[in-house]
Amino acid sequence: MIQVRRVQPKDLDFIFNNAEALNYNQLLMSSKLENMMLIIDNNEICGIGFFINHEGKCLLNWVTVKENHRRFGLGTMLVKTMLNTAEQQGALQAILPCDCGDFAEFLSFQKVEEEEISDIHSIYRGIYNEIPLNNFYKVSLLDYFKPCSNHKKCK
């Protein structure tokens, strides 16, 4: 059974003991645990991600799935759950730092234009105390979860 949910206290030992496989940086991420979501496959935490809503934007960060669990749609489920939660909390747009452009585009994100990058760096520096990457992608959450929101697939 696959489950996506917020982190719970019982999860912390597993996360700390498997930090390398989960790409978990305790120094940076521990202060953001209330914003962490997990993907669990057969009772094993196999992925984590963080999101924070800030001024109508869902700022995703540190999204990772263990290597042996990749290519099964788990990252997609994790990100879409975070986006859905953020939308329900009032986010209108989502930003994803990502070196995997194919993954971002599969989720209907579009690459952020060069002139917007410095503003996004400032936001991430203020919220996450770091600038994650130089490649950022964004998507509007307006109608994102309505049927046929990806018009390329509908035509």
N, C-alpha and C. Protein backbone atom coordinates (compact mmCIF):
# COMPACT_ATOMS: atom_id res chain seq x y z
N MET A 1 0.84 -1.18 0.00
CA MET A 1 0.00 0.00 0.00
C MET A 1 0.89 1.24 0.00
N ILE A 2 0.51 2.21 -0.82
CA ILE A 2 1.25 3.46 -0.90
C ILE A 2 0.46 4.54 -0.18
N GLN A 3 1.18 5.35 0.58
CA GLN A 3 0.54 6.41 1.37
C GLN A 3 1.40 7.66 1.30
N VAL A 4 0.76 8.82 1.20
CA VAL A 4 1.45 10.10 1.29
C VAL A 4 0.83 10.83 2.46
N ARG A 5 1.68 11.30 3.39
CA ARG A 5 1.17 12.00 4.57
C ARG A 5 2.25 12.88 5.18
N ARG A 6 1.81 13.70 6.12
CA ARG A 6 2.77 14.53 6.86
C ARG A 6 3.63 13.64 7.77
N VAL A 7 4.80 14.14 8.09
CA VAL A 7 5.70 13.42 8.98
C VAL A 7 5.06 13.33 10.37
N GLN A 8 5.30 12.23 11.04
CA GLN A 8 4.82 12.01 12.41
C GLN A 8 6.03 11.70 13.29
N PRO A 9 5.90 11.93 14.60
CA PRO A 9 7.05 11.67 15.49
C PRO A 9 7.63 10.26 15.34
N LYS A 10 6.79 9.27 15.09
CA LYS A 10 7.27 7.89 14.96
C LYS A 10 8.18 7.70 13.74
N ASP A 11 8.14 8.64 12.79
CA ASP A 11 8.93 8.53 11.56
C ASP A 11 10.36 9.02 11.72
N LEU A 12 10.62 9.82 12.74
CA LEU A 12 11.89 10.53 12.83
C LEU A 12 13.11 9.61 12.93
N ASP A 13 13.02 8.55 13.71
CA ASP A 13 14.17 7.63 13.81
C ASP A 13 14.53 7.06 12.45
N PHE A 14 13.53 6.63 11.69
CA PHE A 14 13.79 6.07 10.37
C PHE A 14 14.42 7.13 9.46
N ILE A 15 13.89 8.33 9.50
CA ILE A 15 14.42 9.40 8.65
C ILE A 15 15.87 9.70 9.01
N PHE A 16 16.17 9.83 10.30
CA PHE A 16 17.54 10.12 10.71
C PHE A 16 18.49 8.97 10.37
N ASN A 17 18.03 7.74 10.54
CA ASN A 17 18.87 6.58 10.25
C ASN A 17 19.06 6.33 8.76
N ASN A 18 18.19 6.87 7.94
CA ASN A 18 18.27 6.69 6.49
C ASN A 18 18.48 8.02 5.78
N ALA A 19 19.11 8.95 6.48
CA ALA A 19 19.26 10.31 5.97
C ALA A 19 19.93 10.36 4.60
N GLU A 20 20.96 9.58 4.41
CA GLU A 20 21.68 9.64 3.14
C GLU A 20 20.81 9.18 1.98
N ALA A 21 20.12 8.06 2.15
CA ALA A 21 19.26 7.54 1.08
C ALA A 21 18.09 8.48 0.79
N LEU A 22 17.63 9.21 1.81
CA LEU A 22 16.52 10.15 1.64
C LEU A 22 17.00 11.56 1.29
N ASN A 23 18.31 11.74 1.18
CA ASN A 23 18.88 13.05 0.88
C ASN A 23 18.45 14.06 1.94
N TYR A 24 18.42 13.63 3.18
CA TYR A 24 17.96 14.44 4.31
C TYR A 24 19.14 15.14 4.96
N ASN A 25 19.10 16.45 5.00
CA ASN A 25 20.12 17.26 5.64
C ASN A 25 19.55 17.74 6.97
N GLN A 26 19.94 17.08 8.04
CA GLN A 26 19.35 17.35 9.35
C GLN A 26 19.53 18.80 9.76
N LEU A 27 20.66 19.39 9.49
CA LEU A 27 20.93 20.76 9.90
C LEU A 27 19.94 21.73 9.25
N LEU A 28 19.70 21.57 7.96
CA LEU A 28 18.80 22.47 7.25
C LEU A 28 17.33 22.13 7.43
N MET A 29 17.00 20.85 7.42
CA MET A 29 15.61 20.43 7.31
C MET A 29 14.89 20.27 8.64
N SER A 30 15.60 20.06 9.72
CA SER A 30 14.95 19.76 11.00
C SER A 30 14.05 20.89 11.49
N SER A 31 14.34 22.10 11.14
CA SER A 31 13.49 23.22 11.58
C SER A 31 12.23 23.35 10.73
N LYS A 32 12.10 22.51 9.71
CA LYS A 32 10.95 22.59 8.81
C LYS A 32 10.11 21.31 8.83
N LEU A 33 10.22 20.50 9.86
CA LEU A 33 9.53 19.21 9.90
C LEU A 33 8.02 19.34 9.76
N GLU A 34 7.45 20.43 10.26
CA GLU A 34 5.99 20.60 10.13
C GLU A 34 5.58 20.79 8.68
N ASN A 35 6.53 21.03 7.80
CA ASN A 35 6.26 21.21 6.38
C ASN A 35 6.72 20.02 5.55
N MET A 36 7.06 18.91 6.20
CA MET A 36 7.56 17.72 5.50
C MET A 36 6.41 16.76 5.21
N MET A 37 6.43 16.21 4.01
CA MET A 37 5.51 15.15 3.65
C MET A 37 6.33 13.93 3.25
N LEU A 38 5.78 12.77 3.51
CA LEU A 38 6.45 11.51 3.23
C LEU A 38 5.65 10.70 2.23
N ILE A 39 6.35 9.88 1.48
CA ILE A 39 5.69 8.85 0.69
C ILE A 39 6.17 7.52 1.23
N ILE A 40 5.21 6.67 1.52
CA ILE A 40 5.48 5.39 2.17
C ILE A 40 4.98 4.28 1.25
N ASP A 41 5.85 3.32 0.98
CA ASP A 41 5.50 2.18 0.14
C ASP A 41 5.75 0.92 0.96
N ASN A 42 4.71 0.13 1.18
CA ASN A 42 4.82 -1.09 1.98
C ASN A 42 5.49 -0.82 3.33
N ASN A 43 5.00 0.18 4.03
CA ASN A 43 5.47 0.56 5.37
C ASN A 43 6.90 1.06 5.42
N GLU A 44 7.49 1.40 4.28
CA GLU A 44 8.84 1.96 4.24
C GLU A 44 8.79 3.39 3.70
N ILE A 45 9.37 4.31 4.44
CA ILE A 45 9.48 5.68 3.96
C ILE A 45 10.46 5.67 2.79
N CYS A 46 9.98 6.03 1.63
CA CYS A 46 10.86 5.98 0.46
C CYS A 46 11.03 7.33 -0.21
N GLY A 47 10.40 8.37 0.34
CA GLY A 47 10.59 9.69 -0.22
C GLY A 47 10.12 10.76 0.73
N ILE A 48 10.70 11.96 0.58
CA ILE A 48 10.32 13.11 1.38
C ILE A 48 10.24 14.33 0.50
N GLY A 49 9.52 15.31 0.97
CA GLY A 49 9.44 16.59 0.31
C GLY A 49 8.95 17.63 1.29
N PHE A 50 9.28 18.86 1.02
CA PHE A 50 8.88 19.97 1.88
C PHE A 50 8.14 20.99 1.04
N PHE A 51 7.15 21.63 1.64
CA PHE A 51 6.51 22.76 0.99
C PHE A 51 6.09 23.77 2.04
N ILE A 52 6.17 25.01 1.67
CA ILE A 52 5.75 26.11 2.53
C ILE A 52 4.93 27.05 1.67
N ASN A 53 3.77 27.44 2.16
CA ASN A 53 2.97 28.45 1.47
C ASN A 53 3.45 29.82 1.93
N HIS A 54 3.73 30.67 0.95
CA HIS A 54 4.23 32.01 1.24
C HIS A 54 3.65 32.98 0.21
N GLU A 55 2.83 33.89 0.69
CA GLU A 55 2.25 34.93 -0.17
C GLU A 55 1.60 34.34 -1.42
N GLY A 56 0.79 33.30 -1.24
CA GLY A 56 0.06 32.71 -2.35
C GLY A 56 0.85 31.76 -3.22
N LYS A 57 2.08 31.48 -2.80
CA LYS A 57 2.93 30.56 -3.56
C LYS A 57 3.27 29.34 -2.71
N CYS A 58 3.23 28.19 -3.33
CA CYS A 58 3.69 26.95 -2.70
C CYS A 58 5.15 26.79 -3.10
N LEU A 59 6.03 26.89 -2.13
CA LEU A 59 7.46 26.79 -2.37
C LEU A 59 7.91 25.37 -2.02
N LEU A 60 8.06 24.55 -3.03
CA LEU A 60 8.52 23.17 -2.84
C LEU A 60 10.03 23.17 -2.68
N ASN A 61 10.53 22.18 -1.97
CA ASN A 61 11.98 22.06 -1.81
C ASN A 61 12.32 20.66 -1.31
N TRP A 62 13.54 20.25 -1.53
CA TRP A 62 14.08 19.02 -0.99
C TRP A 62 13.20 17.82 -1.29
N VAL A 63 12.70 17.74 -2.50
CA VAL A 63 11.86 16.60 -2.91
C VAL A 63 12.78 15.49 -3.40
N THR A 64 12.69 14.33 -2.77
CA THR A 64 13.53 13.22 -3.18
C THR A 64 12.83 11.89 -2.92
N VAL A 65 13.14 10.93 -3.76
CA VAL A 65 12.66 9.56 -3.61
C VAL A 65 13.89 8.67 -3.64
N LYS A 66 13.93 7.68 -2.74
CA LYS A 66 15.07 6.76 -2.71
C LYS A 66 15.27 6.17 -4.11
N GLU A 67 16.52 5.99 -4.45
CA GLU A 67 16.87 5.56 -5.80
C GLU A 67 16.15 4.28 -6.24
N ASN A 68 16.05 3.29 -5.37
CA ASN A 68 15.42 2.02 -5.76
C ASN A 68 13.90 2.10 -5.83
N HIS A 69 13.32 3.26 -5.52
CA HIS A 69 11.87 3.45 -5.61
C HIS A 69 11.49 4.42 -6.74
N ARG A 70 12.46 4.88 -7.50
CA ARG A 70 12.18 5.84 -8.57
C ARG A 70 11.59 5.16 -9.78
N ARG A 71 10.93 5.95 -10.59
CA ARG A 71 10.30 5.51 -11.86
C ARG A 71 9.05 4.66 -11.66
N PHE A 72 8.41 4.82 -10.48
CA PHE A 72 7.16 4.12 -10.22
C PHE A 72 6.02 5.10 -9.92
N GLY A 73 6.24 6.38 -10.17
CA GLY A 73 5.21 7.39 -9.95
C GLY A 73 5.12 7.91 -8.53
N LEU A 74 6.05 7.51 -7.67
CA LEU A 74 5.98 7.94 -6.28
C LEU A 74 6.30 9.42 -6.11
N GLY A 75 7.26 9.92 -6.86
CA GLY A 75 7.58 11.35 -6.80
C GLY A 75 6.41 12.19 -7.29
N THR A 76 5.74 11.71 -8.32
CA THR A 76 4.55 12.41 -8.83
C THR A 76 3.47 12.47 -7.76
N MET A 77 3.22 11.35 -7.09
CA MET A 77 2.21 11.32 -6.03
C MET A 77 2.58 12.26 -4.89
N LEU A 78 3.85 12.27 -4.53
CA LEU A 78 4.32 13.13 -3.44
C LEU A 78 4.11 14.60 -3.79
N VAL A 79 4.58 15.01 -4.95
CA VAL A 79 4.45 16.42 -5.36
C VAL A 79 2.99 16.81 -5.51
N LYS A 80 2.20 15.98 -6.15
CA LYS A 80 0.78 16.33 -6.34
C LYS A 80 0.04 16.42 -5.02
N THR A 81 0.39 15.60 -4.05
CA THR A 81 -0.23 15.71 -2.73
C THR A 81 0.14 17.02 -2.07
N MET A 82 1.41 17.41 -2.17
CA MET A 82 1.84 18.69 -1.61
C MET A 82 1.13 19.85 -2.31
N LEU A 83 1.03 19.78 -3.64
CA LEU A 83 0.35 20.83 -4.39
C LEU A 83 -1.13 20.93 -4.01
N ASN A 84 -1.78 19.78 -3.87
CA ASN A 84 -3.19 19.77 -3.50
C ASN A 84 -3.39 20.37 -2.12
N THR A 85 -2.54 20.01 -1.18
CA THR A 85 -2.62 20.56 0.17
C THR A 85 -2.38 22.06 0.14
N ALA A 86 -1.38 22.49 -0.61
CA ALA A 86 -1.07 23.92 -0.71
C ALA A 86 -2.22 24.69 -1.34
N GLU A 87 -2.83 24.11 -2.37
CA GLU A 87 -3.96 24.77 -3.02
C GLU A 87 -5.12 24.92 -2.03
N GLN A 88 -5.39 23.89 -1.25
CA GLN A 88 -6.46 23.96 -0.26
C GLN A 88 -6.17 25.02 0.81
N GLN A 89 -4.89 25.32 1.01
CA GLN A 89 -4.48 26.34 1.97
C GLN A 89 -4.38 27.73 1.33
N GLY A 90 -4.75 27.84 0.06
CA GLY A 90 -4.80 29.14 -0.59
C GLY A 90 -3.71 29.47 -1.58
N ALA A 91 -2.79 28.56 -1.84
CA ALA A 91 -1.73 28.84 -2.81
C ALA A 91 -2.31 28.91 -4.22
N LEU A 92 -1.82 29.85 -4.99
CA LEU A 92 -2.27 30.05 -6.36
C LEU A 92 -1.23 29.60 -7.39
N GLN A 93 0.00 29.46 -6.93
CA GLN A 93 1.10 29.09 -7.82
C GLN A 93 2.07 28.22 -7.03
N ALA A 94 2.80 27.38 -7.72
CA ALA A 94 3.83 26.55 -7.08
C ALA A 94 5.15 26.75 -7.81
N ILE A 95 6.21 26.70 -7.02
CA ILE A 95 7.56 26.81 -7.56
C ILE A 95 8.33 25.57 -7.12
N LEU A 96 9.05 24.97 -8.07
CA LEU A 96 9.80 23.75 -7.81
C LEU A 96 11.24 23.94 -8.28
N PRO A 97 12.22 23.91 -7.35
CA PRO A 97 13.62 23.88 -7.78
C PRO A 97 13.93 22.45 -8.20
N CYS A 98 14.49 22.31 -9.40
CA CYS A 98 14.61 20.94 -9.91
C CYS A 98 15.66 20.89 -11.02
N ASP A 99 16.52 19.88 -10.95
CA ASP A 99 17.45 19.62 -12.04
C ASP A 99 16.89 18.60 -13.02
N CYS A 100 15.71 18.08 -12.72
CA CYS A 100 15.06 17.08 -13.57
C CYS A 100 13.93 17.76 -14.35
N GLY A 101 14.29 18.46 -15.40
CA GLY A 101 13.30 19.20 -16.18
C GLY A 101 12.19 18.32 -16.73
N ASP A 102 12.50 17.09 -17.11
CA ASP A 102 11.47 16.19 -17.63
C ASP A 102 10.40 15.91 -16.58
N PHE A 103 10.84 15.72 -15.33
CA PHE A 103 9.90 15.47 -14.23
C PHE A 103 9.02 16.69 -14.02
N ALA A 104 9.62 17.87 -13.96
CA ALA A 104 8.86 19.10 -13.75
C ALA A 104 7.86 19.32 -14.89
N GLU A 105 8.30 19.13 -16.11
CA GLU A 105 7.41 19.32 -17.26
C GLU A 105 6.31 18.27 -17.31
N PHE A 106 6.59 17.06 -16.88
CA PHE A 106 5.57 16.02 -16.80
C PHE A 106 4.44 16.47 -15.86
N LEU A 107 4.80 17.21 -14.83
CA LEU A 107 3.82 17.72 -13.86
C LEU A 107 3.22 19.06 -14.31
N SER A 108 3.47 19.46 -15.55
CA SER A 108 2.96 20.69 -16.16
C SER A 108 3.63 21.97 -15.66
N PHE A 109 4.78 21.84 -15.02
CA PHE A 109 5.55 23.02 -14.62
C PHE A 109 6.27 23.56 -15.86
N GLN A 110 6.50 24.86 -15.85
CA GLN A 110 7.26 25.50 -16.93
C GLN A 110 8.48 26.16 -16.33
N LYS A 111 9.57 26.14 -17.07
CA LYS A 111 10.82 26.73 -16.59
C LYS A 111 10.64 28.22 -16.34
N VAL A 112 11.17 28.67 -15.22
CA VAL A 112 11.09 30.08 -14.85
C VAL A 112 12.08 30.86 -15.71
N GLU A 113 11.64 32.00 -16.18
CA GLU A 113 12.48 32.85 -17.02
C GLU A 113 13.63 33.43 -16.19
N GLU A 114 14.73 33.69 -16.85
CA GLU A 114 15.95 34.17 -16.21
C GLU A 114 15.72 35.44 -15.37
N GLU A 115 14.86 36.33 -15.84
CA GLU A 115 14.65 37.59 -15.12
C GLU A 115 13.87 37.41 -13.81
N GLU A 116 13.26 36.26 -13.60
CA GLU A 116 12.53 36.00 -12.35
C GLU A 116 13.39 35.29 -11.30
N ILE A 117 14.53 34.76 -11.71
CA ILE A 117 15.34 33.92 -10.83
C ILE A 117 15.81 34.65 -9.58
N SER A 118 16.26 35.90 -9.69
CA SER A 118 16.79 36.59 -8.50
C SER A 118 15.71 36.80 -7.45
N ASP A 119 14.47 37.07 -7.87
CA ASP A 119 13.37 37.21 -6.90
C ASP A 119 13.10 35.88 -6.20
N ILE A 120 13.14 34.79 -6.95
CA ILE A 120 12.90 33.47 -6.37
C ILE A 120 14.04 33.10 -5.42
N HIS A 121 15.28 33.44 -5.79
CA HIS A 121 16.41 33.19 -4.89
C HIS A 121 16.19 33.90 -3.55
N SER A 122 15.74 35.14 -3.60
CA SER A 122 15.50 35.91 -2.36
C SER A 122 14.44 35.24 -1.50
N ILE A 123 13.37 34.78 -2.12
CA ILE A 123 12.29 34.12 -1.37
C ILE A 123 12.81 32.84 -0.72
N TYR A 124 13.51 32.00 -1.49
CA TYR A 124 14.02 30.74 -0.96
C TYR A 124 15.06 30.97 0.13
N ARG A 125 15.90 31.99 -0.04
CA ARG A 125 16.90 32.29 0.98
C ARG A 125 16.20 32.68 2.28
N GLY A 126 15.13 33.46 2.18
CA GLY A 126 14.39 33.89 3.37
C GLY A 126 13.61 32.76 4.04
N ILE A 127 13.03 31.86 3.26
CA ILE A 127 12.20 30.79 3.79
C ILE A 127 13.03 29.57 4.19
N TYR A 128 13.91 29.12 3.30
CA TYR A 128 14.65 27.88 3.51
C TYR A 128 16.11 28.09 3.94
N ASN A 129 16.54 29.33 4.05
CA ASN A 129 17.91 29.65 4.44
C ASN A 129 18.94 29.10 3.46
N GLU A 130 18.55 28.92 2.23
CA GLU A 130 19.47 28.48 1.19
C GLU A 130 18.85 28.75 -0.17
N ILE A 131 19.68 28.76 -1.17
CA ILE A 131 19.21 28.80 -2.55
C ILE A 131 19.44 27.40 -3.10
N PRO A 132 18.36 26.64 -3.35
CA PRO A 132 18.53 25.24 -3.69
C PRO A 132 19.25 24.96 -5.01
N LEU A 133 18.81 25.56 -6.09
CA LEU A 133 19.37 25.29 -7.41
C LEU A 133 19.20 26.52 -8.28
N ASN A 134 19.71 26.45 -9.48
CA ASN A 134 19.48 27.54 -10.42
C ASN A 134 18.31 27.27 -11.35
N ASN A 135 17.83 26.04 -11.40
CA ASN A 135 16.71 25.71 -12.28
C ASN A 135 15.43 25.68 -11.46
N PHE A 136 14.54 26.59 -11.77
CA PHE A 136 13.25 26.66 -11.09
C PHE A 136 12.15 26.50 -12.13
N TYR A 137 11.08 25.86 -11.70
CA TYR A 137 9.91 25.66 -12.54
C TYR A 137 8.70 26.15 -11.78
N LYS A 138 7.70 26.62 -12.50
CA LYS A 138 6.49 27.11 -11.84
C LYS A 138 5.26 26.60 -12.56
N VAL A 139 4.15 26.57 -11.81
CA VAL A 139 2.88 26.17 -12.37
C VAL A 139 1.78 26.93 -11.63
N SER A 140 0.75 27.28 -12.35
CA SER A 140 -0.43 27.88 -11.73
C SER A 140 -1.26 26.76 -11.11
N LEU A 141 -1.75 26.99 -9.91
CA LEU A 141 -2.60 26.00 -9.27
C LEU A 141 -4.08 26.27 -9.53
N LEU A 142 -4.36 27.36 -10.23
CA LEU A 142 -5.75 27.62 -10.63
C LEU A 142 -6.15 26.55 -11.64
N ASP A 143 -7.14 25.79 -11.34
CA ASP A 143 -7.64 24.71 -12.20
C ASP A 143 -6.65 23.56 -12.38
N TYR A 144 -5.58 23.50 -11.62
CA TYR A 144 -4.59 22.44 -11.78
C TYR A 144 -5.19 21.06 -11.56
N PHE A 145 -6.10 20.95 -10.61
CA PHE A 145 -6.67 19.65 -10.28
C PHE A 145 -8.04 19.41 -10.89
N LYS A 146 -8.46 20.30 -11.76
CA LYS A 146 -9.73 20.08 -12.45
C LYS A 146 -9.49 19.17 -13.64
N PRO A 147 -10.50 18.45 -14.07
CA PRO A 147 -10.32 17.56 -15.23
C PRO A 147 -9.77 18.32 -16.44
N CYS A 148 -8.84 17.70 -17.11
CA CYS A 148 -8.25 18.24 -18.34
C CYS A 148 -7.52 19.55 -18.11
N SER A 149 -6.88 19.72 -16.96
CA SER A 149 -6.15 20.96 -16.71
C SER A 149 -4.90 21.05 -17.57
N ASN A 150 -4.41 19.93 -18.04
CA ASN A 150 -3.26 19.95 -18.93
C ASN A 150 -3.79 19.88 -20.37
N HIS A 151 -3.93 21.02 -20.96
CA HIS A 151 -4.59 21.10 -22.28
C HIS A 151 -3.82 20.38 -23.37
N LYS A 152 -2.53 20.20 -23.20
CA LYS A 152 -1.76 19.47 -24.22
C LYS A 152 -2.25 18.03 -24.31
N LYS A 153 -2.61 17.44 -23.17
CA LYS A 153 -3.06 16.05 -23.16
C LYS A 153 -4.51 15.91 -23.63
N CYS A 154 -5.29 16.99 -23.56
CA CYS A 154 -6.70 16.92 -23.91
C CYS A 154 -6.93 17.02 -25.41
N LYS A 155 -6.01 17.60 -26.12
CA LYS A 155 -6.21 17.84 -27.55
C LYS A 155 -5.84 16.63 -28.36
